[in-house]
Protein backbone atom coordinates (compact mmCIF):
# COMPACT_ATOMS: atom_id res chain seq x y z
CA MET A 1 1.48 -14.81 18.11
CA ASN A 2 1.78 -12.30 15.32
CA ARG A 3 -1.32 -9.95 15.13
CA LYS A 4 -2.17 -8.23 11.92
CA PHE A 5 -1.46 -4.45 11.51
CA ILE A 6 -3.84 -2.59 9.45
CA GLU A 7 -3.37 1.07 8.27
CA VAL A 8 -6.99 2.72 7.65
CA SER A 9 -7.93 6.01 6.22
CA ALA A 10 -11.48 7.56 7.15
CA ALA A 11 -13.29 10.48 6.07
CA LEU A 12 -15.32 13.12 8.34
CA ILE A 13 -17.80 14.50 5.75
CA PHE A 14 -20.14 17.29 6.92
CA ARG A 15 -23.17 18.70 5.51
CA ASP A 16 -25.85 21.04 6.92
CA GLY A 17 -24.57 20.54 10.12
CA GLN A 18 -24.45 16.59 9.92
CA LEU A 19 -21.84 14.13 9.43
CA LEU A 20 -21.65 11.18 7.30
CA ILE A 21 -21.67 7.60 8.90
CA THR A 22 -21.72 4.24 7.17
CA GLN A 23 -22.82 0.90 9.07
CA ARG A 24 -20.57 -2.40 8.58
CA HIS A 25 -22.12 -5.45 6.92
CA ALA A 26 -23.28 -7.91 9.63
CA LYS A 27 -20.90 -10.63 8.64
CA ALA A 28 -17.65 -8.20 8.42
CA HIS A 29 -15.36 -7.64 11.49
CA LEU A 30 -17.15 -5.65 13.99
CA GLY A 31 -20.61 -6.26 11.96
CA GLY A 32 -23.50 -3.95 12.46
CA LEU A 33 -21.43 -1.10 14.10
CA TRP A 34 -21.39 2.17 12.82
CA GLU A 35 -18.26 3.96 11.50
CA PHE A 36 -16.77 7.02 9.37
CA PRO A 37 -16.42 6.00 5.70
CA GLY A 38 -13.07 4.70 4.47
CA GLY A 39 -11.00 1.79 4.39
CA LYS A 40 -7.51 -0.14 4.45
CA ARG A 41 -4.52 1.55 2.88
CA GLU A 42 -2.86 -0.31 -0.26
CA PRO A 43 0.96 -0.76 -0.57
CA GLY A 44 2.11 2.03 -2.36
CA GLU A 45 -0.89 4.49 -1.66
CA THR A 46 -0.88 7.55 0.48
CA PHE A 47 -3.63 7.66 3.15
CA GLU A 48 -5.30 10.38 1.08
CA GLN A 49 -5.11 8.46 -2.06
CA CYS A 50 -6.74 5.42 -0.10
CA LEU A 51 -9.40 7.59 1.21
CA VAL A 52 -10.42 9.10 -2.33
CA ARG A 53 -10.49 5.39 -3.76
CA GLU A 54 -12.18 4.16 -0.67
CA ILE A 55 -14.88 6.53 -0.78
CA ARG A 56 -15.53 6.11 -4.63
CA GLU A 57 -15.96 2.28 -4.03
CA GLU A 58 -18.00 2.21 -0.77
CA LEU A 59 -20.23 5.37 -1.58
CA GLY A 60 -19.78 5.90 -5.19
CA VAL A 61 -19.20 9.68 -4.51
CA ASN A 62 -15.98 11.98 -5.09
CA ILE A 63 -14.42 13.77 -2.29
CA THR A 64 -11.65 16.36 -1.68
CA VAL A 65 -9.30 15.11 1.25
CA GLY A 66 -8.23 17.95 3.70
CA GLU A 67 -6.59 18.01 6.90
CA LEU A 68 -5.89 15.46 9.08
CA PHE A 69 -8.33 15.74 12.27
CA GLU A 70 -7.18 12.80 14.18
CA GLU A 71 -4.94 9.89 14.18
CA ILE A 72 -5.33 6.92 16.33
CA ARG A 73 -3.61 3.58 17.15
CA HIS A 74 -5.87 0.94 18.79
CA ASP A 75 -5.30 -2.75 19.50
CA TYR A 76 -8.03 -5.34 19.15
CA PRO A 77 -7.44 -9.11 20.29
CA GLU A 78 -6.84 -10.28 16.78
CA LYS A 79 -5.13 -7.17 15.09
CA ALA A 80 -3.95 -3.52 15.57
CA VAL A 81 -5.17 -0.63 13.70
CA HIS A 82 -3.54 2.59 12.90
CA LEU A 83 -6.48 5.29 11.69
CA LYS A 84 -6.27 8.52 10.24
CA PHE A 85 -9.72 10.53 10.06
CA PHE A 86 -9.51 13.57 7.52
CA HIS A 87 -11.73 16.32 7.03
CA CYS A 88 -13.22 15.85 3.46
CA LYS A 89 -15.52 17.43 1.13
CA LEU A 90 -17.95 15.92 -1.09
CA ILE A 91 -17.63 17.42 -4.53
CA ALA A 92 -19.66 15.03 -6.73
CA GLY A 93 -22.64 12.62 -6.12
CA GLU A 94 -24.93 11.48 -3.44
CA PRO A 95 -23.56 8.64 -1.05
CA GLN A 96 -25.01 5.43 -1.73
CA PRO A 97 -24.32 2.18 0.48
CA LEU A 98 -22.48 0.37 -2.39
CA ASP A 99 -20.04 -1.61 0.00
CA CYS A 100 -21.57 -1.11 3.20
CA ALA A 101 -24.98 -1.96 4.95
CA ALA A 102 -26.41 1.57 5.43
CA VAL A 103 -25.51 5.23 4.83
CA LYS A 104 -26.90 8.00 7.31
CA TRP A 105 -26.07 11.66 8.39
CA ILE A 106 -26.45 12.35 11.90
CA SER A 107 -26.36 15.31 14.32
CA LYS A 108 -23.94 15.76 17.04
CA GLU A 109 -26.30 14.11 19.41
CA GLY A 110 -26.42 10.84 17.26
CA LEU A 111 -22.66 10.05 18.16
CA GLN A 112 -24.28 8.91 21.35
CA THR A 113 -27.05 7.10 20.11
CA HIS A 114 -25.04 4.75 17.51
CA ALA A 115 -22.64 1.80 18.50
CA PHE A 116 -19.08 2.43 16.85
CA PRO A 117 -15.97 0.46 17.21
CA ALA A 118 -13.80 0.84 20.21
CA ALA A 119 -11.15 2.45 18.14
CA ASP A 120 -13.40 5.31 17.34
CA ALA A 121 -13.83 6.33 20.92
CA GLN A 122 -11.32 9.00 21.37
CA LEU A 123 -12.52 10.54 18.09
CA ILE A 124 -16.10 10.19 19.24
CA GLU A 125 -14.96 12.33 22.35
CA ARG A 126 -13.28 14.86 20.25
CA LEU A 127 -16.41 15.36 17.73
CA SER A 128 -18.70 15.70 20.62
CA ARG A 129 -16.89 18.99 21.87
CA PHE A 130 -17.52 20.52 18.37
CA GLU A 131 -20.34 22.36 16.67
CA PHE A 132 -20.65 20.50 13.28
CA PRO A 133 -20.36 22.95 10.55
CA LYS A 134 -23.46 24.30 8.72
CA ASP A 135 -21.49 25.36 5.70
CA THR A 136 -19.49 22.71 4.14
CA ASP A 137 -17.35 25.08 2.10
CA THR A 138 -15.71 27.13 5.23
CA ALA A 139 -15.91 24.02 7.95
CA VAL A 140 -12.99 24.29 10.07
CA LEU A 141 -12.35 21.75 12.85
C-alpha cells in the first residue's frame, strides 16, 4: 500500500506572551483539533513561500518567516507528514478564521488544555519548556 507523503509548513506566531493556534474544520482530517497555522507545500514552493501563502489564505494576514524552530516527520495510518515549524512575525492584519474553524491566542499553559494532532507532540513538549516571548520584535526561541 502506497501512503501519501505530505510536506507541511507551519507558523509559530507570538504576541504579548501568547501563541497563535487555529482549529481544524470538523469534517477535515483530524477535524476539531487545534494546530499551528500553515498548510501543504505546493510543487515548486519553498517551505517559507508556502507559509506566507497559506497564512494569507487561512488567516488574511501578512507575516515574515524567520528561523526554522522544529522539523518533524510523523506517520499516520493513511499518510506520512513532514512538518517544518518556523518562528514568524505578524506584520499586517489581525488573524481571522477564513479557512479554519477558529483562531485563538493561548498562553504556554494552553498547550496542555487544547487537543493537538499526534504529529505536534514533539513540538508541544519543546514549546512547554520555553517562556513565550512578550516582545514580538525581539523574540528568540
